[in-house]
Every structure is written in structure tokens, then in C-alpha cells.
């Protein structure tokens, strides 16, 4: 009697293992999708409120007034300008204007 019971248990366990082995692709495809993940793009959301030029290090009230009179009244316009335009409007060197533009771009992000 005990051998029949052992054979029956082994038959059931073996059958279950065979069924799982046969269905392994089905289980894996449900668990992990084979479709590649879509690329994630970083969207830059523009800020709604304008940040004053005075927040850039090295731009004081006098230089801010010069830049505003040239039409550059917030850091987004400063970041989009060229160093020559900024240098001419504020009366500073192109190197200093490049530094301001880099600071403005950093503050926007």
C-alpha cells in the first residue's frame, strides 16, 4: 500500500511540474512584458512668473536698469540673449556677460 501512495504523490507532483514547465513562457510573458519601455522625455515647463535680473550674481541696480532699458527685464530673456548683446547693453565685458547668461540658464532650470 505505501508504494502505491508514494507513486500517486510522485505522479501528481511530476504532473504539476510538467504542466508548469510547459506553461513557463506563458507565466514569464505575463510577469515581464516583452515590449520595450517607451523613452522618457524631460519636458521643460516654462515658469509663469518672471524672475528679476537682480537675482543674478553681479547684477546690481545700475546694471539691472541698463539691461531693462535694452528690453531685457527678466532672466529668461537674459538666458536667451547673446553675450555681445548683453555686454553692449550693460557696458560690461563679454566674459562677464557670458557668466550672467550661464547663471540665468541655471536659475531657469
C-alpha atoms as a PDB file:
ATOM      1  CA  UNK A   1       0.000   0.000   0.000  1.00  0.00           C
ATOM      2  CA  UNK A   2       2.640   2.598   0.865  1.00  0.00           C
ATOM      3  CA  UNK A   3       4.308   2.192  -2.548  1.00  0.00           C
ATOM      4  CA  UNK A   4       1.034   2.911  -4.355  1.00  0.00           C
ATOM      5  CA  UNK A   5       0.543   6.047  -2.298  1.00  0.00           C
ATOM      6  CA  UNK A   6       4.113   7.177  -2.970  1.00  0.00           C
ATOM      7  CA  UNK A   7       3.680   6.566  -6.689  1.00  0.00           C
ATOM      8  CA  UNK A   8       0.422   8.516  -6.682  1.00  0.00           C
ATOM      9  CA  UNK A   9       2.035  11.506  -4.903  1.00  0.00           C
ATOM     10  CA  UNK A  10       5.041  11.440  -7.216  1.00  0.00           C
ATOM     11  CA  UNK A  11       2.723  11.268 -10.209  1.00  0.00           C
ATOM     12  CA  UNK A  12       0.752  14.305  -9.045  1.00  0.00           C
ATOM     13  CA  UNK A  13       3.916  16.308  -8.224  1.00  0.00           C
ATOM     14  CA  UNK A  14       5.528  15.286 -11.527  1.00  0.00           C
ATOM     15  CA  UNK A  15       2.399  16.189 -13.478  1.00  0.00           C
ATOM     16  CA  UNK A  16       2.243  19.603 -11.804  1.00  0.00           C
ATOM     17  CA  UNK A  17       5.934  20.190 -12.563  1.00  0.00           C
ATOM     18  CA  UNK A  18       5.431  19.158 -16.196  1.00  0.00           C
ATOM     19  CA  UNK A  19       2.439  21.493 -16.506  1.00  0.00           C
ATOM     20  CA  UNK A  20       4.379  24.417 -15.028  1.00  0.00           C
ATOM     21  CA  UNK A  21       7.346  23.670 -17.312  1.00  0.00           C
ATOM     22  CA  UNK A  22       5.074  23.612 -20.363  1.00  0.00           C
ATOM     23  CA  UNK A  23       3.418  26.893 -19.363  1.00  0.00           C
ATOM     24  CA  UNK A  24       6.623  28.717 -18.312  1.00  0.00           C
ATOM     25  CA  UNK A  25       6.633  31.030 -21.348  1.00  0.00           C
ATOM     26  CA  UNK A  26       3.059  31.991 -20.581  1.00  0.00           C
ATOM     27  CA  UNK A  27       3.907  32.847 -16.968  1.00  0.00           C
ATOM     28  CA  UNK A  28       7.026  34.807 -17.894  1.00  0.00           C
ATOM     29  CA  UNK A  29       5.262  36.899 -20.534  1.00  0.00           C
ATOM     30  CA  UNK A  30       2.587  37.877 -18.037  1.00  0.00           C
ATOM     31  CA  UNK A  31       5.117  38.722 -15.334  1.00  0.00           C
ATOM     32  CA  UNK A  32       7.511  40.733 -17.516  1.00  0.00           C
ATOM     33  CA  UNK A  33       6.344  42.458 -20.657  1.00  0.00           C
ATOM     34  CA  UNK A  34       8.447  41.835 -23.734  1.00  0.00           C
ATOM     35  CA  UNK A  35       7.611  45.242 -25.146  1.00  0.00           C
ATOM     36  CA  UNK A  36      10.407  47.769 -24.686  1.00  0.00           C
ATOM     37  CA  UNK A  37       9.727  50.674 -22.391  1.00  0.00           C
ATOM     38  CA  UNK A  38       8.902  53.886 -24.245  1.00  0.00           C
ATOM     39  CA  UNK A  39      11.529  56.607 -23.957  1.00  0.00           C
ATOM     40  CA  UNK A  40      11.009  59.172 -21.247  1.00  0.00           C
ATOM     41  CA  UNK A  41      11.472  62.744 -22.363  1.00  0.00           C
ATOM     42  CA  UNK A  42      12.154  65.514 -19.907  1.00  0.00           C
ATOM     43  CA  UNK A  43       9.748  68.321 -20.578  1.00  0.00           C
ATOM     44  CA  UNK A  44      10.883  71.772 -19.585  1.00  0.00           C
ATOM     45  CA  UNK A  45       7.932  73.596 -18.137  1.00  0.00           C
ATOM     46  CA  UNK A  46       8.303  77.356 -18.503  1.00  0.00           C
ATOM     47  CA  UNK A  47       7.874  79.308 -15.331  1.00  0.00           C
ATOM     48  CA  UNK A  48       4.840  81.538 -15.326  1.00  0.00           C
ATOM     49  CA  UNK A  49       6.278  84.278 -13.175  1.00  0.00           C
ATOM     50  CA  UNK A  50       9.229  86.340 -14.354  1.00  0.00           C
ATOM     51  CA  UNK A  51      12.314  86.291 -12.156  1.00  0.00           C
ATOM     52  CA  UNK A  52      14.065  89.636 -11.794  1.00  0.00           C
ATOM     53  CA  UNK A  53      17.510  90.191 -13.250  1.00  0.00           C
ATOM     54  CA  UNK A  54      18.751  91.277  -9.805  1.00  0.00           C
ATOM     55  CA  UNK A  55      18.849  87.589  -8.758  1.00  0.00           C
ATOM     56  CA  UNK A  56      21.894  87.022 -10.991  1.00  0.00           C
ATOM     57  CA  UNK A  57      25.126  87.421  -9.035  1.00  0.00           C
ATOM     58  CA  UNK A  58      26.979  90.553 -10.160  1.00  0.00           C
ATOM     59  CA  UNK A  59      23.940  92.430 -11.486  1.00  0.00           C
ATOM     60  CA  UNK A  60      23.188  95.339  -9.209  1.00  0.00           C
ATOM     61  CA  UNK A  61      20.586  98.092  -9.505  1.00  0.00           C
ATOM     62  CA  UNK A  62      22.570 100.162 -12.016  1.00  0.00           C
ATOM     63  CA  UNK A  63      23.294  97.255 -14.372  1.00  0.00           C
ATOM     64  CA  UNK A  64      19.742  95.964 -14.000  1.00  0.00           C
ATOM     65  CA  UNK A  65      18.423  99.378 -15.086  1.00  0.00           C
ATOM     66  CA  UNK A  66      20.701  99.321 -18.143  1.00  0.00           C
ATOM     67  CA  UNK A  67      19.522  95.851 -19.095  1.00  0.00           C
ATOM     68  CA  UNK A  68      15.855  96.767 -18.586  1.00  0.00           C
ATOM     69  CA  UNK A  69      16.254  99.803 -20.828  1.00  0.00           C
ATOM     70  CA  UNK A  70      17.567  97.427 -23.530  1.00  0.00           C
ATOM     71  CA  UNK A  71      14.426  95.268 -23.171  1.00  0.00           C
ATOM     72  CA  UNK A  72      15.973  92.522 -21.033  1.00  0.00           C
ATOM     73  CA  UNK A  73      13.762  92.628 -17.975  1.00  0.00           C
ATOM     74  CA  UNK A  74      13.850  89.032 -16.660  1.00  0.00           C
ATOM     75  CA  UNK A  75      16.280  86.124 -16.528  1.00  0.00           C
ATOM     76  CA  UNK A  76      14.562  84.159 -19.306  1.00  0.00           C
ATOM     77  CA  UNK A  77      15.372  86.975 -21.748  1.00  0.00           C
ATOM     78  CA  UNK A  78      18.861  87.189 -20.290  1.00  0.00           C
ATOM     79  CA  UNK A  79      19.377  83.440 -20.821  1.00  0.00           C
ATOM     80  CA  UNK A  80      18.189  83.704 -24.441  1.00  0.00           C
ATOM     81  CA  UNK A  81      20.453  86.665 -25.292  1.00  0.00           C
ATOM     82  CA  UNK A  82      23.924  86.615 -26.770  1.00  0.00           C
ATOM     83  CA  UNK A  83      26.965  87.748 -24.781  1.00  0.00           C
ATOM     84  CA  UNK A  84      27.631  90.595 -27.239  1.00  0.00           C
ATOM     85  CA  UNK A  85      24.092  91.958 -26.814  1.00  0.00           C
ATOM     86  CA  UNK A  86      24.327  91.837 -23.028  1.00  0.00           C
ATOM     87  CA  UNK A  87      27.835  93.326 -22.986  1.00  0.00           C
ATOM     88  CA  UNK A  88      26.756  96.227 -25.184  1.00  0.00           C
ATOM     89  CA  UNK A  89      23.534  96.899 -23.266  1.00  0.00           C
ATOM     90  CA  UNK A  90      25.128  96.818 -19.807  1.00  0.00           C
ATOM     91  CA  UNK A  91      28.534  98.209 -20.731  1.00  0.00           C
ATOM     92  CA  UNK A  92      30.463  95.200 -19.400  1.00  0.00           C
ATOM     93  CA  UNK A  93      32.907  92.706 -20.897  1.00  0.00           C
ATOM     94  CA  UNK A  94      31.713  89.757 -22.995  1.00  0.00           C
ATOM     95  CA  UNK A  95      33.182  87.337 -20.436  1.00  0.00           C
ATOM     96  CA  UNK A  96      31.092  88.873 -17.668  1.00  0.00           C
ATOM     97  CA  UNK A  97      28.021  88.756 -19.924  1.00  0.00           C
ATOM     98  CA  UNK A  98      28.648  85.045 -20.623  1.00  0.00           C
ATOM     99  CA  UNK A  99      28.823  84.416 -16.870  1.00  0.00           C
ATOM    100  CA  UNK A 100      25.477  86.153 -16.359  1.00  0.00           C
ATOM    101  CA  UNK A 101      23.899  84.144 -19.173  1.00  0.00           C
ATOM    102  CA  UNK A 102      25.126  80.866 -17.645  1.00  0.00           C
ATOM    103  CA  UNK A 103      23.771  81.885 -14.240  1.00  0.00           C
ATOM    104  CA  UNK A 104      20.428  82.788 -15.797  1.00  0.00           C
ATOM    105  CA  UNK A 105      20.220  79.422 -17.589  1.00  0.00           C
ATOM    106  CA  UNK A 106      20.959  77.649 -14.326  1.00  0.00           C
ATOM    107  CA  UNK A 107      18.268  79.621 -12.494  1.00  0.00           C
ATOM    108  CA  UNK A 108      15.668  78.799 -15.158  1.00  0.00           C
ATOM    109  CA  UNK A 109      16.109  75.046 -14.805  1.00  0.00           C
END
